[in-house]
Amino acid sequence: MRIDLAYDGTDFRGWATQPGLRTVQGELEAALATVLRLPEPPQVTCAGRTDAGVHARGQVAHVDVDSHPGVLERRLRRIVPQDIRIKSVTAAPEHFDARFAALERRYIYRMTDHPAGPDPLARRMIVAHPRPLNIDLMNEAAQHLLGEHDFAAFCKRREGATTVRTLLDLRTIRGGETLATTVRADAFCHSMVRSLMGCLVAVGERRYPPEFAAEILAGRERDPRVKVMPAHGLVLEEVRYPADDQLAERVQQSRRRRDEP
């Protein structure tokens, strides 16, 4: 089954199940076990394992269970907590894999540099930044990061995992009091988006020139000058997949890529 869902990440310790902690995966798997009367929760795989405090409007997951999708959708909606929204449950096509079949993920990071801070009704999704930001400089810095690179300087390393990614889009626009940065890539490693934002903010504050982004990228090591920005400004907006007849090929490509040293 393919499950499309959204959630407010404020009160979750991220997507991935952790003993004794409230997570999106944990809540969803518990709900599935309840509605399907399973002795053990089934394992749910998602497109992007969001960190603690990160939100999602367009998360996609899959689970291997025997049920009618419409019935499962209605039952899940009745029992999941209010900070999770089940958008749809559908029968997944052959070879579908929420993680490995994805072509790209799109995030948006929102913040405000208004002296009064964010709209209090949107404070869970907009980061208050205390200093003015120049978006032209931020976008100039972003140009140095586009394309396929080793983003080790912007990731928390995991043993045996590659940090090579293809960054497709990185651009900031200002709408009223809010700055919104769109970040698209084939995939992301742990804390990558928030680290990219830390680099752009350092340039937007005029502490460093736009070439600073290229310097950090080339270093391939975490740099204390780049702050990992707060989680609550980040939203997973969309995950894109290929046509059904191209799913198997995409899964093979992605699995090979993740196995690179």
C-alpha atoms as a PDB file:
ATOM      1  CA  MET A   1       0.000   0.000   0.000  1.00  0.00           C
ATOM      2  CA  ARG A   2       1.108   3.542  -0.716  1.00  0.00           C
ATOM      3  CA  ILE A   3       0.244   6.001   2.052  1.00  0.00           C
ATOM      4  CA  ASP A   4       0.351   9.748   1.386  1.00  0.00           C
ATOM      5  CA  LEU A   5       0.387  11.722   4.609  1.00  0.00           C
ATOM      6  CA  ALA A   6       1.128  15.042   6.280  1.00  0.00           C
ATOM      7  CA  TYR A   7       2.091  15.902   9.835  1.00  0.00           C
ATOM      8  CA  ASP A   8       2.980  18.681  12.231  1.00  0.00           C
ATOM      9  CA  GLY A   9       6.411  17.600  13.437  1.00  0.00           C
ATOM     10  CA  THR A  10       6.433  19.784  16.568  1.00  0.00           C
ATOM     11  CA  ASP A  11       5.648  17.042  19.069  1.00  0.00           C
ATOM     12  CA  PHE A  12       7.446  14.190  17.293  1.00  0.00           C
ATOM     13  CA  ARG A  13      11.032  13.051  17.759  1.00  0.00           C
ATOM     14  CA  GLY A  14      11.282  12.710  14.010  1.00  0.00           C
ATOM     15  CA  TRP A  15      10.013  10.069  11.623  1.00  0.00           C
ATOM     16  CA  ALA A  16      11.986   6.995  12.658  1.00  0.00           C
ATOM     17  CA  THR A  17      10.868   4.725  15.484  1.00  0.00           C
ATOM     18  CA  GLN A  18      12.861   5.174  18.693  1.00  0.00           C
ATOM     19  CA  PRO A  19      12.210   3.222  21.898  1.00  0.00           C
ATOM     20  CA  GLY A  20      10.241   5.254  24.414  1.00  0.00           C
ATOM     21  CA  LEU A  21       9.886   8.285  22.129  1.00  0.00           C
ATOM     22  CA  ARG A  22       6.929   9.549  20.112  1.00  0.00           C
ATOM     23  CA  THR A  23       7.648   9.357  16.374  1.00  0.00           C
ATOM     24  CA  VAL A  24       5.575   9.513  13.201  1.00  0.00           C
ATOM     25  CA  GLN A  25       6.583   6.018  12.147  1.00  0.00           C
ATOM     26  CA  GLY A  26       5.768   4.661  15.585  1.00  0.00           C
ATOM     27  CA  GLU A  27       2.283   6.219  15.619  1.00  0.00           C
ATOM     28  CA  LEU A  28       1.521   5.069  12.076  1.00  0.00           C
ATOM     29  CA  GLU A  29       2.716   1.511  12.640  1.00  0.00           C
ATOM     30  CA  ALA A  30       0.732   1.275  15.893  1.00  0.00           C
ATOM     31  CA  ALA A  31      -2.387   2.508  14.090  1.00  0.00           C
ATOM     32  CA  LEU A  32      -1.912  -0.054  11.320  1.00  0.00           C
ATOM     33  CA  ALA A  33      -1.506  -2.852  13.851  1.00  0.00           C
ATOM     34  CA  THR A  34      -4.733  -1.757  15.549  1.00  0.00           C
ATOM     35  CA  VAL A  35      -6.942  -1.468  12.478  1.00  0.00           C
ATOM     36  CA  LEU A  36      -5.586  -4.676  10.923  1.00  0.00           C
ATOM     37  CA  ARG A  37      -5.525  -6.564  14.262  1.00  0.00           C
ATOM     38  CA  LEU A  38      -1.929  -7.617  13.804  1.00  0.00           C
ATOM     39  CA  PRO A  39       0.125  -9.151  16.642  1.00  0.00           C
ATOM     40  CA  GLU A  40       3.112  -6.982  15.717  1.00  0.00           C
ATOM     41  CA  PRO A  41       3.208  -3.566  13.987  1.00  0.00           C
ATOM     42  CA  PRO A  42       4.109  -3.811  10.275  1.00  0.00           C
ATOM     43  CA  GLN A  43       7.200  -1.950   9.092  1.00  0.00           C
ATOM     44  CA  VAL A  44       6.473   1.287   7.230  1.00  0.00           C
ATOM     45  CA  THR A  45       9.072   2.769   4.851  1.00  0.00           C
ATOM     46  CA  CYS A  46       8.978   6.474   4.008  1.00  0.00           C
ATOM     47  CA  ALA A  47      10.436   8.647   1.264  1.00  0.00           C
ATOM     48  CA  GLY A  48      12.279  10.991   3.624  1.00  0.00           C
ATOM     49  CA  ARG A  49      13.127  10.320   7.273  1.00  0.00           C
ATOM     50  CA  THR A  50      12.463  13.765   8.708  1.00  0.00           C
ATOM     51  CA  ASP A  51      14.323  14.915  11.828  1.00  0.00           C
ATOM     52  CA  ALA A  52      12.739  15.873  15.142  1.00  0.00           C
ATOM     53  CA  GLY A  53      10.565  18.962  14.705  1.00  0.00           C
ATOM     54  CA  VAL A  54      10.482  18.853  10.894  1.00  0.00           C
ATOM     55  CA  HIS A  55       7.036  18.932   9.272  1.00  0.00           C
ATOM     56  CA  ALA A  56       5.616  17.293   6.147  1.00  0.00           C
ATOM     57  CA  ARG A  57       2.832  18.120   3.717  1.00  0.00           C
ATOM     58  CA  GLY A  58       3.859  15.587   1.079  1.00  0.00           C
ATOM     59  CA  GLN A  59       5.381  12.589   2.848  1.00  0.00           C
ATOM     60  CA  VAL A  60       4.969   9.226   1.085  1.00  0.00           C
ATOM     61  CA  ALA A  61       5.269   5.807   2.697  1.00  0.00           C
ATOM     62  CA  HIS A  62       4.646   2.178   1.805  1.00  0.00           C
ATOM     63  CA  VAL A  63       3.687  -0.861   3.829  1.00  0.00           C
ATOM     64  CA  ASP A  64       3.141  -4.495   2.825  1.00  0.00           C
ATOM     65  CA  VAL A  65      -0.252  -5.502   4.242  1.00  0.00           C
ATOM     66  CA  ASP A  66      -3.342  -7.318   3.007  1.00  0.00           C
ATOM     67  CA  SER A  67      -6.267  -4.904   3.058  1.00  0.00           C
ATOM     68  CA  HIS A  68      -8.610  -2.940   0.837  1.00  0.00           C
ATOM     69  CA  PRO A  69      -7.022   0.520   0.411  1.00  0.00           C
ATOM     70  CA  GLY A  70     -10.268   2.443   0.834  1.00  0.00           C
ATOM     71  CA  VAL A  71     -11.179   0.602   4.008  1.00  0.00           C
ATOM     72  CA  LEU A  72      -7.672   1.027   5.400  1.00  0.00           C
ATOM     73  CA  GLU A  73      -7.723   4.749   4.586  1.00  0.00           C
ATOM     74  CA  ARG A  74     -11.009   5.319   6.453  1.00  0.00           C
ATOM     75  CA  ARG A  75      -9.945   3.294   9.489  1.00  0.00           C
ATOM     76  CA  LEU A  76      -6.556   4.976   9.771  1.00  0.00           C
ATOM     77  CA  ARG A  77      -8.120   8.423   9.611  1.00  0.00           C
ATOM     78  CA  ARG A  78     -10.320   7.574  12.576  1.00  0.00           C
ATOM     79  CA  ILE A  79      -7.513   6.611  14.948  1.00  0.00           C
ATOM     80  CA  VAL A  80      -4.314   8.479  14.006  1.00  0.00           C
ATOM     81  CA  PRO A  81      -3.588  11.482  16.265  1.00  0.00           C
ATOM     82  CA  GLN A  82      -4.624  14.944  15.132  1.00  0.00           C
ATOM     83  CA  ASP A  83      -1.094  15.985  14.185  1.00  0.00           C
ATOM     84  CA  ILE A  84      -1.024  13.290  11.469  1.00  0.00           C
ATOM     85  CA  ARG A  85      -3.226  13.546   8.388  1.00  0.00           C
ATOM     86  CA  ILE A  86      -3.800  10.514   6.149  1.00  0.00           C
ATOM     87  CA  LYS A  87      -4.252  12.075   2.723  1.00  0.00           C
ATOM     88  CA  SER A  88      -4.752   8.826   0.815  1.00  0.00           C
ATOM     89  CA  VAL A  89      -4.120   5.083   0.840  1.00  0.00           C
ATOM     90  CA  THR A  90      -3.803   3.374  -2.538  1.00  0.00           C
ATOM     91  CA  ALA A  91      -2.667   0.037  -3.898  1.00  0.00           C
ATOM     92  CA  ALA A  92       0.968   0.578  -4.849  1.00  0.00           C
ATOM     93  CA  PRO A  93       2.036  -0.422  -8.370  1.00  0.00           C
ATOM     94  CA  GLU A  94       4.503  -3.250  -8.837  1.00  0.00           C
ATOM     95  CA  HIS A  95       8.098  -2.366  -7.823  1.00  0.00           C
ATOM     96  CA  PHE A  96       6.988   0.743  -5.920  1.00  0.00           C
ATOM     97  CA  ASP A  97       9.302   1.668  -3.051  1.00  0.00           C
ATOM     98  CA  ALA A  98       8.602   4.941  -1.236  1.00  0.00           C
ATOM     99  CA  ARG A  99      12.304   5.526  -0.579  1.00  0.00           C
ATOM    100  CA  PHE A 100      14.260   4.048  -3.453  1.00  0.00           C
ATOM    101  CA  ALA A 101      11.792   4.761  -6.278  1.00  0.00           C
ATOM    102  CA  ALA A 102      11.711   8.520  -5.584  1.00  0.00           C
ATOM    103  CA  LEU A 103      13.170  10.804  -8.244  1.00  0.00           C
ATOM    104  CA  GLU A 104      13.405  13.872  -6.031  1.00  0.00           C
ATOM    105  CA  ARG A 105      12.276  15.418  -2.763  1.00  0.00           C
ATOM    106  CA  ARG A 106      11.216  19.058  -2.416  1.00  0.00           C
ATOM    107  CA  TYR A 107      11.499  20.921   0.876  1.00  0.00           C
ATOM    108  CA  ILE A 108      10.730  24.526   1.772  1.00  0.00           C
ATOM    109  CA  TYR A 109      12.444  26.305   4.659  1.00  0.00           C
ATOM    110  CA  ARG A 110      10.584  29.343   6.019  1.00  0.00           C
ATOM    111  CA  MET A 111      11.861  32.125   8.254  1.00  0.00           C
ATOM    112  CA  THR A 112      11.304  35.799   8.936  1.00  0.00           C
ATOM    113  CA  ASP A 113      13.751  38.588   9.660  1.00  0.00           C
ATOM    114  CA  HIS A 114      10.990  40.972  10.749  1.00  0.00           C
ATOM    115  CA  PRO A 115      11.876  42.573  14.108  1.00  0.00           C
ATOM    116  CA  ALA A 116       8.534  41.470  15.579  1.00  0.00           C
ATOM    117  CA  GLY A 117       9.119  37.827  14.668  1.00  0.00           C
ATOM    118  CA  PRO A 118       6.680  35.494  12.901  1.00  0.00           C
ATOM    119  CA  ASP A 119       2.910  35.603  12.878  1.00  0.00           C
ATOM    120  CA  PRO A 120       2.021  33.876  16.180  1.00  0.00           C
ATOM    121  CA  LEU A 121      -0.456  31.660  14.328  1.00  0.00           C
ATOM    122  CA  ALA A 122       2.386  30.347  12.131  1.00  0.00           C
ATOM    123  CA  ARG A 123       5.181  30.293  14.719  1.00  0.00           C
ATOM    124  CA  ARG A 124       5.462  26.480  14.587  1.00  0.00           C
ATOM    125  CA  MET A 125       6.519  26.643  10.943  1.00  0.00           C
ATOM    126  CA  ILE A 126       8.479  29.893  10.617  1.00  0.00           C
ATOM    127  CA  VAL A 127      11.866  30.547  12.221  1.00  0.00           C
ATOM    128  CA  ALA A 128      12.465  33.982  13.731  1.00  0.00           C
ATOM    129  CA  HIS A 129      15.804  35.346  12.568  1.00  0.00           C
ATOM    130  CA  PRO A 130      17.204  38.286  14.556  1.00  0.00           C
ATOM    131  CA  ARG A 131      19.165  40.012  11.771  1.00  0.00           C
ATOM    132  CA  PRO A 132      18.237  41.300   8.276  1.00  0.00           C
ATOM    133  CA  LEU A 133      18.937  38.917   5.391  1.00  0.00           C
ATOM    134  CA  ASN A 134      19.879  39.786   1.819  1.00  0.00           C
ATOM    135  CA  ILE A 135      18.214  37.220  -0.438  1.00  0.00           C
ATOM    136  CA  ASP A 136      20.188  38.294  -3.511  1.00  0.00           C
ATOM    137  CA  LEU A 137      23.411  37.302  -1.759  1.00  0.00           C
ATOM    138  CA  MET A 138      21.818  34.068  -0.550  1.00  0.00           C
ATOM    139  CA  ASN A 139      20.778  33.140  -4.077  1.00  0.00           C
ATOM    140  CA  GLU A 140      24.213  33.988  -5.418  1.00  0.00           C
ATOM    141  CA  ALA A 141      25.766  31.673  -2.833  1.00  0.00           C
ATOM    142  CA  ALA A 142      23.273  28.948  -3.748  1.00  0.00           C
ATOM    143  CA  GLN A 143      24.591  28.818  -7.306  1.00  0.00           C
ATOM    144  CA  HIS A 144      27.858  27.360  -5.999  1.00  0.00           C
ATOM    145  CA  LEU A 145      25.991  24.397  -4.518  1.00  0.00           C
ATOM    146  CA  LEU A 146      23.817  23.270  -7.420  1.00  0.00           C
ATOM    147  CA  GLY A 147      24.580  20.029  -9.240  1.00  0.00           C
ATOM    148  CA  GLU A 148      26.124  16.727  -8.190  1.00  0.00           C
ATOM    149  CA  HIS A 149      28.656  17.077  -5.369  1.00  0.00           C
ATOM    150  CA  ASP A 150      29.914  15.367  -2.266  1.00  0.00           C
ATOM    151  CA  PHE A 151      27.910  17.193   0.407  1.00  0.00           C
ATOM    152  CA  ALA A 152      29.892  15.719   3.331  1.00  0.00           C
ATOM    153  CA  ALA A 153      30.400  19.241   4.731  1.00  0.00           C
ATOM    154  CA  PHE A 154      26.631  19.579   5.112  1.00  0.00           C
ATOM    155  CA  CYS A 155      25.794  16.094   6.417  1.00  0.00           C
ATOM    156  CA  LYS A 156      26.118  14.017   9.531  1.00  0.00           C
ATOM    157  CA  ARG A 157      28.200  11.097   8.302  1.00  0.00           C
ATOM    158  CA  ARG A 158      26.924   7.525   8.527  1.00  0.00           C
ATOM    159  CA  GLU A 159      29.369   4.655   8.266  1.00  0.00           C
ATOM    160  CA  GLY A 160      29.368   3.170   4.766  1.00  0.00           C
ATOM    161  CA  ALA A 161      26.861   5.686   3.331  1.00  0.00           C
ATOM    162  CA  THR A 162      27.624   8.011   0.450  1.00  0.00           C
ATOM    163  CA  THR A 163      27.191  11.770   0.834  1.00  0.00           C
ATOM    164  CA  VAL A 164      27.099  12.397  -2.928  1.00  0.00           C
ATOM    165  CA  ARG A 165      23.824  14.056  -3.890  1.00  0.00           C
ATOM    166  CA  THR A 166      22.445  16.047  -6.825  1.00  0.00           C
ATOM    167  CA  LEU A 167      21.062  19.405  -5.721  1.00  0.00           C
ATOM    168  CA  LEU A 168      18.493  20.451  -8.343  1.00  0.00           C
ATOM    169  CA  ASP A 169      17.197  23.725  -6.942  1.00  0.00           C
ATOM    170  CA  LEU A 170      18.131  26.096  -4.122  1.00  0.00           C
ATOM    171  CA  ARG A 171      16.494  29.502  -4.213  1.00  0.00           C
ATOM    172  CA  THR A 172      15.030  31.985  -1.760  1.00  0.00           C
ATOM    173  CA  ILE A 173      12.127  34.355  -2.329  1.00  0.00           C
ATOM    174  CA  ARG A 174      10.658  36.996  -0.035  1.00  0.00           C
ATOM    175  CA  GLY A 175       6.891  37.202   0.300  1.00  0.00           C
ATOM    176  CA  GLY A 176       5.814  39.912   2.692  1.00  0.00           C
ATOM    177  CA  GLU A 177       7.522  39.205   6.018  1.00  0.00           C
ATOM    178  CA  THR A 178       8.471  35.609   5.168  1.00  0.00           C
ATOM    179  CA  LEU A 179      11.525  34.224   3.377  1.00  0.00           C
ATOM    180  CA  ALA A 180      10.904  30.854   1.732  1.00  0.00           C
ATOM    181  CA  THR A 181      13.792  28.750   0.439  1.00  0.00           C
ATOM    182  CA  THR A 182      12.973  25.894  -1.940  1.00  0.00           C
ATOM    183  CA  VAL A 183      15.419  22.975  -1.806  1.00  0.00           C
ATOM    184  CA  ARG A 184      15.113  20.121  -4.334  1.00  0.00           C
ATOM    185  CA  ALA A 185      17.445  17.138  -4.680  1.00  0.00           C
ATOM    186  CA  ASP A 186      17.422  13.511  -5.721  1.00  0.00           C
ATOM    187  CA  ALA A 187      17.902  12.686  -2.026  1.00  0.00           C
ATOM    188  CA  PHE A 188      19.211  14.250   1.168  1.00  0.00           C
ATOM    189  CA  CYS A 189      21.500  13.043   3.922  1.00  0.00           C
ATOM    190  CA  HIS A 190      20.976  13.687   7.629  1.00  0.00           C
ATOM    191  CA  SER A 191      20.673  17.424   8.512  1.00  0.00           C
ATOM    192  CA  MET A 192      21.680  18.443   4.962  1.00  0.00           C
ATOM    193  CA  VAL A 193      18.887  20.945   4.283  1.00  0.00           C
ATOM    194  CA  ARG A 194      19.266  22.744   7.610  1.00  0.00           C
ATOM    195  CA  SER A 195      23.033  22.913   7.139  1.00  0.00           C
ATOM    196  CA  LEU A 196      22.623  24.342   3.645  1.00  0.00           C
ATOM    197  CA  MET A 197      20.342  26.963   5.152  1.00  0.00           C
ATOM    198  CA  GLY A 198      22.970  27.792   7.773  1.00  0.00           C
ATOM    199  CA  CYS A 199      25.456  28.486   5.009  1.00  0.00           C
ATOM    200  CA  LEU A 200      23.019  30.696   3.087  1.00  0.00           C
ATOM    201  CA  VAL A 201      22.082  32.622   6.227  1.00  0.00           C
ATOM    202  CA  ALA A 202      25.742  33.324   7.009  1.00  0.00           C
ATOM    203  CA  VAL A 203      26.062  34.872   3.550  1.00  0.00           C
ATOM    204  CA  GLY A 204      22.693  36.646   3.778  1.00  0.00           C
ATOM    205  CA  GLU A 205      23.859  38.358   6.960  1.00  0.00           C
ATOM    206  CA  ARG A 206      26.899  39.622   5.006  1.00  0.00           C
ATOM    207  CA  ARG A 207      29.318  37.813   7.327  1.00  0.00           C
ATOM    208  CA  TYR A 208      30.854  36.025   4.335  1.00  0.00           C
ATOM    209  CA  PRO A 209      30.835  36.537   0.553  1.00  0.00           C
ATOM    210  CA  PRO A 210      28.778  34.225  -1.711  1.00  0.00           C
ATOM    211  CA  GLU A 211      31.958  32.246  -2.518  1.00  0.00           C
ATOM    212  CA  PHE A 212      31.868  31.044   1.090  1.00  0.00           C
ATOM    213  CA  ALA A 213      29.421  28.325  -0.026  1.00  0.00           C
ATOM    214  CA  ALA A 214      31.949  26.915  -2.503  1.00  0.00           C
ATOM    215  CA  GLU A 215      34.664  27.003   0.159  1.00  0.00           C
ATOM    216  CA  ILE A 216      32.551  25.004   2.622  1.00  0.00           C
ATOM    217  CA  LEU A 217      31.504  22.489  -0.034  1.00  0.00           C
ATOM    218  CA  ALA A 218      35.104  21.887  -1.133  1.00  0.00           C
ATOM    219  CA  GLY A 219      36.224  21.317   2.463  1.00  0.00           C
ATOM    220  CA  ARG A 220      34.121  18.128   2.806  1.00  0.00           C
ATOM    221  CA  GLU A 221      34.155  18.518   6.583  1.00  0.00           C
ATOM    222  CA  ARG A 222      31.661  20.062   8.980  1.00  0.00           C
ATOM    223  CA  ASP A 223      32.637  23.677   9.610  1.00  0.00           C
ATOM    224  CA  PRO A 224      31.755  25.490  12.858  1.00  0.00           C
ATOM    225  CA  ARG A 225      31.034  28.641  10.851  1.00  0.00           C
ATOM    226  CA  VAL A 226      27.954  26.901   9.394  1.00  0.00           C
ATOM    227  CA  LYS A 227      25.081  26.667  11.857  1.00  0.00           C
ATOM    228  CA  VAL A 228      22.474  23.918  11.548  1.00  0.00           C
ATOM    229  CA  MET A 229      19.247  25.944  11.431  1.00  0.00           C
ATOM    230  CA  PRO A 230      16.231  25.158  13.658  1.00  0.00           C
ATOM    231  CA  ALA A 231      14.069  22.239  12.556  1.00  0.00           C
ATOM    232  CA  HIS A 232      10.621  23.810  12.766  1.00  0.00           C
ATOM    233  CA  GLY A 233      11.116  25.994   9.682  1.00  0.00           C
ATOM    234  CA  LEU A 234      11.466  22.945   7.436  1.00  0.00           C
ATOM    235  CA  VAL A 235       8.616  21.215   5.575  1.00  0.00           C
ATOM    236  CA  LEU A 236       8.784  18.225   3.222  1.00  0.00           C
ATOM    237  CA  GLU A 237       6.426  19.500   0.541  1.00  0.00           C
ATOM    238  CA  GLU A 238       6.562  16.904  -2.235  1.00  0.00           C
ATOM    239  CA  VAL A 239       8.106  13.636  -3.395  1.00  0.00           C
ATOM    240  CA  ARG A 240       8.186  12.854  -7.126  1.00  0.00           C
ATOM    241  CA  TYR A 241       8.196   9.367  -8.675  1.00  0.00           C
ATOM    242  CA  PRO A 242       8.675   8.091 -12.231  1.00  0.00           C
ATOM    243  CA  ALA A 243       6.002   6.414 -14.331  1.00  0.00           C
ATOM    244  CA  ASP A 244       4.972   2.950 -13.146  1.00  0.00           C
ATOM    245  CA  ASP A 245       6.906   1.184 -15.899  1.00  0.00           C
ATOM    246  CA  GLN A 246      10.122   2.922 -14.787  1.00  0.00           C
ATOM    247  CA  LEU A 247       9.871   2.136 -11.064  1.00  0.00           C
ATOM    248  CA  ALA A 248      12.005  -1.035 -11.123  1.00  0.00           C
ATOM    249  CA  GLU A 249      14.853   0.703 -12.970  1.00  0.00           C
ATOM    250  CA  ARG A 250      14.743   3.654 -10.584  1.00  0.00           C
ATOM    251  CA  VAL A 251      14.871   1.391  -7.518  1.00  0.00           C
ATOM    252  CA  GLN A 252      17.944  -0.380  -8.905  1.00  0.00           C
ATOM    253  CA  GLN A 253      19.673   2.930  -9.640  1.00  0.00           C
ATOM    254  CA  SER A 254      18.974   4.286  -6.149  1.00  0.00           C
ATOM    255  CA  ARG A 255      20.107   1.148  -4.360  1.00  0.00           C
ATOM    256  CA  ARG A 256      23.395   1.119  -6.287  1.00  0.00           C
ATOM    257  CA  ARG A 257      23.923   4.785  -5.435  1.00  0.00           C
ATOM    258  CA  ARG A 258      23.357   4.255  -1.694  1.00  0.00           C
ATOM    259  CA  ASP A 259      25.849   1.370  -1.678  1.00  0.00           C
ATOM    260  CA  GLU A 260      28.702   3.506  -3.012  1.00  0.00           C
ATOM    261  CA  PRO A 261      31.578   3.967  -0.537  1.00  0.00           C
END
